[in-house]
C-alpha atoms as a PDB file:
ATOM      1  CA  MET A   1     -27.878 -19.141  23.641  1.00  0.00           C
ATOM      2  CA  ILE A   2     -27.810 -16.468  20.946  1.00  0.00           C
ATOM      3  CA  GLU A   3     -30.831 -15.376  18.965  1.00  0.00           C
ATOM      4  CA  ALA A   4     -31.020 -12.802  16.181  1.00  0.00           C
ATOM      5  CA  VAL A   5     -34.513 -11.732  15.125  1.00  0.00           C
ATOM      6  CA  ASN A   6     -34.787  -9.718  11.897  1.00  0.00           C
ATOM      7  CA  LEU A   7     -31.601  -7.782  12.638  1.00  0.00           C
ATOM      8  CA  THR A   8     -31.104  -4.883  10.252  1.00  0.00           C
ATOM      9  CA  LYS A   9     -28.482  -2.132  10.252  1.00  0.00           C
ATOM     10  CA  ASP A  10     -28.418   0.882   7.951  1.00  0.00           C
ATOM     11  CA  PHE A  11     -25.594   3.385   7.632  1.00  0.00           C
ATOM     12  CA  GLY A  12     -27.284   6.231   5.832  1.00  0.00           C
ATOM     13  CA  LYS A  13     -28.617   4.769   2.606  1.00  0.00           C
ATOM     14  CA  PHE A  14     -26.350   1.717   2.825  1.00  0.00           C
ATOM     15  CA  ARG A  15     -27.883  -1.424   4.342  1.00  0.00           C
ATOM     16  CA  ALA A  16     -25.020  -3.363   5.932  1.00  0.00           C
ATOM     17  CA  VAL A  17     -27.185  -6.119   7.464  1.00  0.00           C
ATOM     18  CA  ASP A  18     -30.586  -6.969   6.012  1.00  0.00           C
ATOM     19  CA  ASN A  19     -33.236  -8.738   8.109  1.00  0.00           C
ATOM     20  CA  VAL A  20     -30.963 -11.459   9.536  1.00  0.00           C
ATOM     21  CA  SER A  21     -32.467 -14.142  11.802  1.00  0.00           C
ATOM     22  CA  PHE A  22     -30.866 -17.248  13.344  1.00  0.00           C
ATOM     23  CA  HIS A  23     -30.235 -18.909  16.691  1.00  0.00           C
ATOM     24  CA  VAL A  24     -27.241 -20.628  18.258  1.00  0.00           C
ATOM     25  CA  ASN A  25     -27.849 -23.141  21.035  1.00  0.00           C
ATOM     26  CA  SER A  26     -25.934 -23.452  24.289  1.00  0.00           C
ATOM     27  CA  GLY A  27     -22.883 -25.660  23.860  1.00  0.00           C
ATOM     28  CA  GLU A  28     -22.496 -24.862  20.170  1.00  0.00           C
ATOM     29  CA  LEU A  29     -19.669 -23.231  18.262  1.00  0.00           C
ATOM     30  CA  PHE A  30     -21.108 -21.169  15.429  1.00  0.00           C
ATOM     31  CA  ALA A  31     -18.818 -20.085  12.584  1.00  0.00           C
ATOM     32  CA  PHE A  32     -19.985 -16.930  10.801  1.00  0.00           C
ATOM     33  CA  LEU A  33     -18.613 -16.766   7.275  1.00  0.00           C
ATOM     34  CA  GLY A  34     -18.758 -14.282   4.442  1.00  0.00           C
ATOM     35  CA  PRO A  35     -16.668 -12.231   2.001  1.00  0.00           C
ATOM     36  CA  ASN A  36     -15.086  -8.966   3.085  1.00  0.00           C
ATOM     37  CA  GLY A  37     -17.769  -6.355   3.706  1.00  0.00           C
ATOM     38  CA  ALA A  38     -20.559  -8.945   3.914  1.00  0.00           C
ATOM     39  CA  GLY A  39     -21.820  -7.728   7.305  1.00  0.00           C
ATOM     40  CA  LYS A  40     -20.114 -10.128   9.711  1.00  0.00           C
ATOM     41  CA  THR A  41     -18.567  -7.547  12.053  1.00  0.00           C
ATOM     42  CA  THR A  42     -21.687  -5.373  12.004  1.00  0.00           C
ATOM     43  CA  THR A  43     -23.799  -8.377  13.009  1.00  0.00           C
ATOM     44  CA  ILE A  44     -21.427  -9.291  15.831  1.00  0.00           C
ATOM     45  CA  LYS A  45     -21.480  -5.738  17.129  1.00  0.00           C
ATOM     46  CA  MET A  46     -25.284  -5.709  17.184  1.00  0.00           C
ATOM     47  CA  LEU A  47     -25.396  -9.073  18.966  1.00  0.00           C
ATOM     48  CA  SER A  48     -22.907  -7.885  21.587  1.00  0.00           C
ATOM     49  CA  GLY A  49     -24.513  -4.485  22.155  1.00  0.00           C
ATOM     50  CA  LEU A  50     -21.798  -2.390  20.541  1.00  0.00           C
ATOM     51  CA  LEU A  51     -24.144  -1.212  17.782  1.00  0.00           C
ATOM     52  CA  ILE A  52     -27.831  -0.405  18.048  1.00  0.00           C
ATOM     53  CA  PRO A  53     -29.749  -2.093  15.215  1.00  0.00           C
ATOM     54  CA  THR A  54     -31.898  -0.035  12.896  1.00  0.00           C
ATOM     55  CA  SER A  55     -34.555  -2.673  13.502  1.00  0.00           C
ATOM     56  CA  GLY A  56     -34.774  -6.172  14.922  1.00  0.00           C
ATOM     57  CA  GLU A  57     -33.777  -7.754  18.219  1.00  0.00           C
ATOM     58  CA  ALA A  58     -30.844  -9.666  19.677  1.00  0.00           C
ATOM     59  CA  TYR A  59     -31.035 -11.971  22.699  1.00  0.00           C
ATOM     60  CA  LEU A  60     -28.341 -13.647  24.803  1.00  0.00           C
ATOM     61  CA  SER A  61     -29.638 -16.418  27.074  1.00  0.00           C
ATOM     62  CA  GLY A  62     -33.058 -14.821  26.808  1.00  0.00           C
ATOM     63  CA  ILE A  63     -31.822 -11.323  27.732  1.00  0.00           C
ATOM     64  CA  SER A  64     -32.668  -8.577  25.256  1.00  0.00           C
ATOM     65  CA  VAL A  65     -29.454  -6.857  24.221  1.00  0.00           C
ATOM     66  CA  ASN A  66     -31.454  -3.799  23.160  1.00  0.00           C
ATOM     67  CA  ASP A  67     -33.557  -3.460  26.324  1.00  0.00           C
ATOM     68  CA  ASN A  68     -31.062  -4.737  28.917  1.00  0.00           C
ATOM     69  CA  PRO A  69     -27.593  -4.067  27.490  1.00  0.00           C
ATOM     70  CA  VAL A  70     -25.773  -4.083  30.837  1.00  0.00           C
ATOM     71  CA  GLU A  71     -27.263  -7.428  31.893  1.00  0.00           C
ATOM     72  CA  ALA A  72     -26.442  -8.911  28.483  1.00  0.00           C
ATOM     73  CA  LYS A  73     -22.851  -7.671  28.597  1.00  0.00           C
ATOM     74  CA  LYS A  74     -22.318  -9.258  32.010  1.00  0.00           C
ATOM     75  CA  ILE A  75     -22.515 -12.702  30.440  1.00  0.00           C
ATOM     76  CA  LEU A  76     -20.584 -12.102  27.229  1.00  0.00           C
ATOM     77  CA  GLY A  77     -16.961 -11.814  26.201  1.00  0.00           C
ATOM     78  CA  PHE A  78     -15.840 -10.064  23.025  1.00  0.00           C
ATOM     79  CA  VAL A  79     -12.616 -10.306  21.016  1.00  0.00           C
ATOM     80  CA  PRO A  80     -12.581  -7.690  18.210  1.00  0.00           C
ATOM     81  CA  ASP A  81     -10.990  -8.102  14.804  1.00  0.00           C
ATOM     82  CA  GLU A  82      -8.406  -5.431  15.667  1.00  0.00           C
ATOM     83  CA  PRO A  83      -6.780  -5.783  19.109  1.00  0.00           C
ATOM     84  CA  SER A  84      -7.774  -2.932  21.422  1.00  0.00           C
ATOM     85  CA  VAL A  85      -5.642  -2.241  24.500  1.00  0.00           C
ATOM     86  CA  TYR A  86      -4.566   0.705  26.638  1.00  0.00           C
ATOM     87  CA  ASP A  87      -0.988   1.464  25.633  1.00  0.00           C
ATOM     88  CA  LYS A  88      -0.106   3.191  28.905  1.00  0.00           C
ATOM     89  CA  LEU A  89      -1.194   0.240  31.049  1.00  0.00           C
ATOM     90  CA  THR A  90       0.737  -2.912  31.730  1.00  0.00           C
ATOM     91  CA  LEU A  91      -1.010  -6.163  30.875  1.00  0.00           C
ATOM     92  CA  ARG A  92      -1.551  -6.889  34.582  1.00  0.00           C
ATOM     93  CA  GLU A  93      -3.103  -3.443  35.088  1.00  0.00           C
ATOM     94  CA  PHE A  94      -5.317  -3.965  32.039  1.00  0.00           C
ATOM     95  CA  LEU A  95      -6.578  -7.321  33.307  1.00  0.00           C
ATOM     96  CA  ASN A  96      -7.218  -5.869  36.780  1.00  0.00           C
ATOM     97  CA  PHE A  97      -9.181  -3.051  35.149  1.00  0.00           C
ATOM     98  CA  VAL A  98     -11.353  -5.509  33.199  1.00  0.00           C
ATOM     99  CA  ALA A  99     -11.878  -7.652  36.306  1.00  0.00           C
ATOM    100  CA  ASP A 100     -13.009  -4.585  38.259  1.00  0.00           C
ATOM    101  CA  ILE A 101     -15.533  -3.708  35.535  1.00  0.00           C
ATOM    102  CA  TYR A 102     -17.048  -7.169  35.907  1.00  0.00           C
ATOM    103  CA  GLN A 103     -16.813  -6.892  39.719  1.00  0.00           C
ATOM    104  CA  ILE A 104     -14.749 -10.047  40.010  1.00  0.00           C
ATOM    105  CA  ASP A 105     -12.995 -10.768  43.285  1.00  0.00           C
ATOM    106  CA  ARG A 106      -9.355  -9.713  42.855  1.00  0.00           C
ATOM    107  CA  LYS A 107      -8.005 -13.018  44.185  1.00  0.00           C
ATOM    108  CA  LYS A 108     -10.143 -15.058  41.795  1.00  0.00           C
ATOM    109  CA  ALA A 109      -9.317 -12.695  38.927  1.00  0.00           C
ATOM    110  CA  LYS A 110      -5.591 -13.077  39.632  1.00  0.00           C
ATOM    111  CA  GLU A 111      -5.865 -16.859  39.631  1.00  0.00           C
ATOM    112  CA  THR A 112      -7.667 -16.848  36.288  1.00  0.00           C
ATOM    113  CA  ALA A 113      -5.277 -14.294  34.793  1.00  0.00           C
ATOM    114  CA  ASP A 114      -2.224 -16.207  35.998  1.00  0.00           C
ATOM    115  CA  GLU A 115      -3.540 -19.359  34.362  1.00  0.00           C
ATOM    116  CA  TYR A 116      -4.020 -17.704  30.979  1.00  0.00           C
ATOM    117  CA  LEU A 117      -0.769 -15.722  31.212  1.00  0.00           C
ATOM    118  CA  GLU A 118       1.040 -19.026  31.611  1.00  0.00           C
ATOM    119  CA  ILE A 119      -0.917 -20.689  28.798  1.00  0.00           C
ATOM    120  CA  PHE A 120      -0.104 -17.858  26.382  1.00  0.00           C
ATOM    121  CA  GLU A 121       3.465 -17.425  27.659  1.00  0.00           C
ATOM    122  CA  LEU A 122       3.023 -13.802  28.737  1.00  0.00           C
ATOM    123  CA  GLU A 123       4.098 -14.102  32.384  1.00  0.00           C
ATOM    124  CA  ASP A 124       7.434 -12.409  31.715  1.00  0.00           C
ATOM    125  CA  ARG A 125       5.769  -9.468  29.923  1.00  0.00           C
ATOM    126  CA  GLN A 126       2.787  -8.834  32.191  1.00  0.00           C
ATOM    127  CA  ASP A 127       4.434  -5.829  33.872  1.00  0.00           C
ATOM    128  CA  ASP A 128       5.510  -4.177  30.602  1.00  0.00           C
ATOM    129  CA  LEU A 129       3.506  -1.330  29.072  1.00  0.00           C
ATOM    130  CA  MET A 130       1.371  -2.710  26.257  1.00  0.00           C
ATOM    131  CA  GLN A 131       2.526   0.034  23.895  1.00  0.00           C
ATOM    132  CA  GLY A 132       5.527  -2.209  23.212  1.00  0.00           C
ATOM    133  CA  TYR A 133       3.450  -5.289  22.445  1.00  0.00           C
ATOM    134  CA  SER A 134       3.343  -6.892  19.011  1.00  0.00           C
ATOM    135  CA  HIS A 135       0.031  -7.469  17.215  1.00  0.00           C
ATOM    136  CA  GLY A 136      -0.013 -11.079  18.361  1.00  0.00           C
ATOM    137  CA  MET A 137       0.639 -10.148  21.991  1.00  0.00           C
ATOM    138  CA  ARG A 138      -2.151  -7.569  21.893  1.00  0.00           C
ATOM    139  CA  GLN A 139      -4.464 -10.203  20.469  1.00  0.00           C
ATOM    140  CA  LYS A 140      -3.582 -12.561  23.310  1.00  0.00           C
ATOM    141  CA  ALA A 141      -4.206  -9.754  25.823  1.00  0.00           C
ATOM    142  CA  ASN A 142      -7.675  -9.195  24.347  1.00  0.00           C
ATOM    143  CA  ILE A 143      -8.454 -12.897  24.480  1.00  0.00           C
ATOM    144  CA  ILE A 144      -7.443 -13.171  28.139  1.00  0.00           C
ATOM    145  CA  ALA A 145      -9.501 -10.074  28.969  1.00  0.00           C
ATOM    146  CA  ALA A 146     -12.533 -11.596  27.240  1.00  0.00           C
ATOM    147  CA  LEU A 147     -12.192 -14.814  29.226  1.00  0.00           C
ATOM    148  CA  ILE A 148     -11.346 -13.450  32.670  1.00  0.00           C
ATOM    149  CA  HIS A 149     -14.966 -13.322  33.876  1.00  0.00           C
ATOM    150  CA  ASP A 150     -15.828 -16.804  32.534  1.00  0.00           C
ATOM    151  CA  PRO A 151     -18.443 -15.635  29.986  1.00  0.00           C
ATOM    152  CA  GLN A 152     -21.441 -17.755  29.027  1.00  0.00           C
ATOM    153  CA  VAL A 153     -21.340 -16.360  25.487  1.00  0.00           C
ATOM    154  CA  LEU A 154     -18.112 -15.538  23.646  1.00  0.00           C
ATOM    155  CA  PHE A 155     -17.884 -13.519  20.432  1.00  0.00           C
ATOM    156  CA  LEU A 156     -14.666 -13.627  18.414  1.00  0.00           C
ATOM    157  CA  ASP A 157     -14.076 -11.659  15.221  1.00  0.00           C
ATOM    158  CA  GLU A 158     -11.181 -13.266  13.298  1.00  0.00           C
ATOM    159  CA  PRO A 159      -9.507 -14.462  16.541  1.00  0.00           C
ATOM    160  CA  THR A 160      -6.494 -16.237  15.028  1.00  0.00           C
ATOM    161  CA  VAL A 161      -5.265 -13.364  12.816  1.00  0.00           C
ATOM    162  CA  GLY A 162      -1.717 -12.434  13.846  1.00  0.00           C
ATOM    163  CA  LEU A 163      -1.299 -15.389  16.198  1.00  0.00           C
ATOM    164  CA  ASP A 164       1.527 -17.889  15.949  1.00  0.00           C
ATOM    165  CA  PRO A 165       0.530 -21.525  15.244  1.00  0.00           C
ATOM    166  CA  ARG A 166       0.898 -22.568  18.892  1.00  0.00           C
ATOM    167  CA  SER A 167      -1.384 -19.787  20.148  1.00  0.00           C
ATOM    168  CA  ALA A 168      -3.925 -20.465  17.401  1.00  0.00           C
ATOM    169  CA  ARG A 169      -4.002 -24.111  18.486  1.00  0.00           C
ATOM    170  CA  LEU A 170      -4.498 -23.060  22.109  1.00  0.00           C
ATOM    171  CA  ILE A 171      -7.430 -20.850  21.139  1.00  0.00           C
ATOM    172  CA  LYS A 172      -9.096 -23.745  19.377  1.00  0.00           C
ATOM    173  CA  ASP A 173      -8.618 -25.979  22.423  1.00  0.00           C
ATOM    174  CA  ILE A 174     -10.035 -23.308  24.766  1.00  0.00           C
ATOM    175  CA  LEU A 175     -13.101 -22.835  22.554  1.00  0.00           C
ATOM    176  CA  LYS A 176     -13.740 -26.576  22.394  1.00  0.00           C
ATOM    177  CA  ASP A 177     -13.536 -26.774  26.194  1.00  0.00           C
ATOM    178  CA  MET A 178     -16.011 -23.897  26.525  1.00  0.00           C
ATOM    179  CA  THR A 179     -18.617 -25.600  24.358  1.00  0.00           C
ATOM    180  CA  LYS A 180     -18.168 -28.843  26.306  1.00  0.00           C
ATOM    181  CA  GLU A 181     -19.089 -26.834  29.411  1.00  0.00           C
ATOM    182  CA  GLY A 182     -22.317 -25.718  27.713  1.00  0.00           C
ATOM    183  CA  LYS A 183     -21.153 -22.231  26.772  1.00  0.00           C
ATOM    184  CA  THR A 184     -21.833 -20.651  23.389  1.00  0.00           C
ATOM    185  CA  VAL A 185     -19.118 -19.501  20.987  1.00  0.00           C
ATOM    186  CA  PHE A 186     -19.784 -17.248  17.989  1.00  0.00           C
ATOM    187  CA  MET A 187     -16.763 -16.846  15.730  1.00  0.00           C
ATOM    188  CA  SER A 188     -16.232 -15.132  12.411  1.00  0.00           C
ATOM    189  CA  THR A 189     -13.296 -16.341  10.355  1.00  0.00           C
ATOM    190  CA  HIS A 190     -11.912 -16.342   6.827  1.00  0.00           C
ATOM    191  CA  ILE A 191     -10.010 -19.559   7.570  1.00  0.00           C
ATOM    192  CA  LEU A 192     -12.571 -22.080   6.376  1.00  0.00           C
ATOM    193  CA  GLU A 193     -10.494 -25.072   7.466  1.00  0.00           C
ATOM    194  CA  ILE A 194     -10.904 -23.918  11.080  1.00  0.00           C
ATOM    195  CA  ALA A 195     -14.651 -23.495  10.609  1.00  0.00           C
ATOM    196  CA  GLU A 196     -15.016 -26.946   9.050  1.00  0.00           C
ATOM    197  CA  GLU A 197     -12.934 -28.543  11.801  1.00  0.00           C
ATOM    198  CA  MET A 198     -14.602 -26.862  14.769  1.00  0.00           C
ATOM    199  CA  ALA A 199     -18.079 -25.554  14.021  1.00  0.00           C
ATOM    200  CA  ASP A 200     -21.275 -27.276  15.049  1.00  0.00           C
ATOM    201  CA  LYS A 201     -23.122 -24.924  12.695  1.00  0.00           C
ATOM    202  CA  VAL A 202     -22.116 -22.327  10.141  1.00  0.00           C
ATOM    203  CA  GLY A 203     -23.834 -19.203   8.917  1.00  0.00           C
ATOM    204  CA  ILE A 204     -22.962 -17.646   5.554  1.00  0.00           C
ATOM    205  CA  ILE A 205     -23.732 -13.987   4.908  1.00  0.00           C
ATOM    206  CA  GLN A 206     -23.277 -12.061   1.671  1.00  0.00           C
ATOM    207  CA  LYS A 207     -24.080  -8.415   0.997  1.00  0.00           C
ATOM    208  CA  GLY A 208     -25.849  -8.242   4.343  1.00  0.00           C
ATOM    209  CA  GLN A 209     -28.200 -11.134   3.632  1.00  0.00           C
ATOM    210  CA  LEU A 210     -28.032 -14.527   5.311  1.00  0.00           C
ATOM    211  CA  LYS A 211     -27.590 -17.189   2.642  1.00  0.00           C
ATOM    212  CA  PHE A 212     -27.395 -20.298   4.820  1.00  0.00           C
ATOM    213  CA  VAL A 213     -27.519 -21.504   8.431  1.00  0.00           C
ATOM    214  CA  GLY A 214     -26.934 -25.114   9.435  1.00  0.00           C
ATOM    215  CA  THR A 215     -24.351 -27.857   9.626  1.00  0.00           C
ATOM    216  CA  VAL A 216     -21.710 -28.396   6.963  1.00  0.00           C
ATOM    217  CA  GLU A 217     -23.448 -31.644   6.035  1.00  0.00           C
ATOM    218  CA  GLU A 218     -26.731 -29.775   5.576  1.00  0.00           C
ATOM    219  CA  LEU A 219     -24.892 -27.296   3.362  1.00  0.00           C
ATOM    220  CA  ARG A 220     -23.570 -30.180   1.254  1.00  0.00           C
ATOM    221  CA  GLU A 221     -27.109 -31.510   0.873  1.00  0.00           C
ATOM    222  CA  ALA A 222     -28.423 -28.065  -0.061  1.00  0.00           C
ATOM    223  CA  GLN A 223     -25.694 -27.564  -2.661  1.00  0.00           C
ATOM    224  CA  GLY A 224     -25.882 -31.145  -3.935  1.00  0.00           C
ATOM    225  CA  THR A 225     -22.153 -31.790  -3.690  1.00  0.00           C
ATOM    226  CA  GLU A 226     -19.668 -33.482  -1.365  1.00  0.00           C
ATOM    227  CA  GLY A 227     -17.056 -30.731  -1.530  1.00  0.00           C
ATOM    228  CA  SER A 228     -15.083 -29.137   1.292  1.00  0.00           C
ATOM    229  CA  LEU A 229     -16.504 -26.163   3.173  1.00  0.00           C
ATOM    230  CA  GLU A 230     -14.224 -23.924   1.105  1.00  0.00           C
ATOM    231  CA  GLU A 231     -15.658 -25.289  -2.135  1.00  0.00           C
ATOM    232  CA  LEU A 232     -19.208 -25.038  -0.811  1.00  0.00           C
ATOM    233  CA  PHE A 233     -18.640 -21.474   0.376  1.00  0.00           C
ATOM    234  CA  LEU A 234     -17.232 -20.364  -2.967  1.00  0.00           C
ATOM    235  CA  GLN A 235     -20.059 -22.071  -4.814  1.00  0.00           C
ATOM    236  CA  LEU A 236     -22.708 -20.358  -2.676  1.00  0.00           C
ATOM    237  CA  THR A 237     -21.189 -16.875  -2.705  1.00  0.00           C
ATOM    238  CA  ALA A 238     -19.785 -16.704  -6.223  1.00  0.00           C
ATOM    239  CA  SER A 239     -21.250 -14.017  -8.479  1.00  0.00           C
ATOM    240  CA  GLU A 240     -22.443 -14.899 -11.975  1.00  0.00           C
ATOM    241  CA  GLU A 241     -19.263 -13.275 -13.314  1.00  0.00           C
ATOM    242  CA  ASP A 242     -17.160 -15.448 -10.992  1.00  0.00           C
ATOM    243  CA  LYS A 243     -19.013 -18.575 -12.073  1.00  0.00           C
ATOM    244  CA  GLU A 244     -18.438 -17.765 -15.719  1.00  0.00           C
ATOM    245  CA  LEU A 245     -14.737 -17.180 -15.047  1.00  0.00           C
ATOM    246  CA  ILE A 246     -14.406 -20.454 -13.122  1.00  0.00           C
ATOM    247  CA  SER A 247     -16.219 -22.305 -15.903  1.00  0.00           C
ATOM    248  CA  HIS A 248     -13.929 -20.707 -18.491  1.00  0.00           C
ATOM    249  CA  LEU A 249     -10.793 -21.639 -16.542  1.00  0.00           C
ATOM    250  CA  LYS A 250     -11.955 -25.212 -16.103  1.00  0.00           C
ATOM    251  CA  GLY A 251     -12.809 -25.416 -19.818  1.00  0.00           C
END
């Protein structure tokens, strides 16, 4: 379970996230949506312990991320928006390194890694230095590394960017299986069709402020329309200037 309580993050005089509160239950996939620069990545980094909030608290399965960051990180996996790997390591060395950090038995870690290497068709490249990997291959490497310790909470920041259609489909299947097992998935995405298809709940943030949290059906009721999630999102986040332009184009 994920809980954000009045999370706020300032960078100098700029407030990137402003008093955000919500909770995500175990077994739910939560899609976090917002325009570029809305505060999605900053929120994810505070929830996962990569950024210290200016104020507020974050909890994972009841563990305070602020007070017990190591314990919180033991149960989470994180896939960043930009793939981060060690160029001078092979993929196998990288996965062994991650497994050692989480103190996973090497035999069990190898079994898990082998399974995902096969799923993502990286068996033949696992002994190559990752400096020669494409963006998509690096993204797959990050995803496998985030899953190798079987996390109870998984954060993904734009996970399908740079992936081929087959790999993107696999990611969606893996995430669905995780929620069926009672694990919690928190995913930011600009692909609203994926959010509408997969999410149990959505959160919409704009200019650091949370505009909505709930199901897509609840969002339809709140907006008084039966549109798609894309239409609802645009309606909720459109500026007055945008609304005037849309009205003018329709007229």
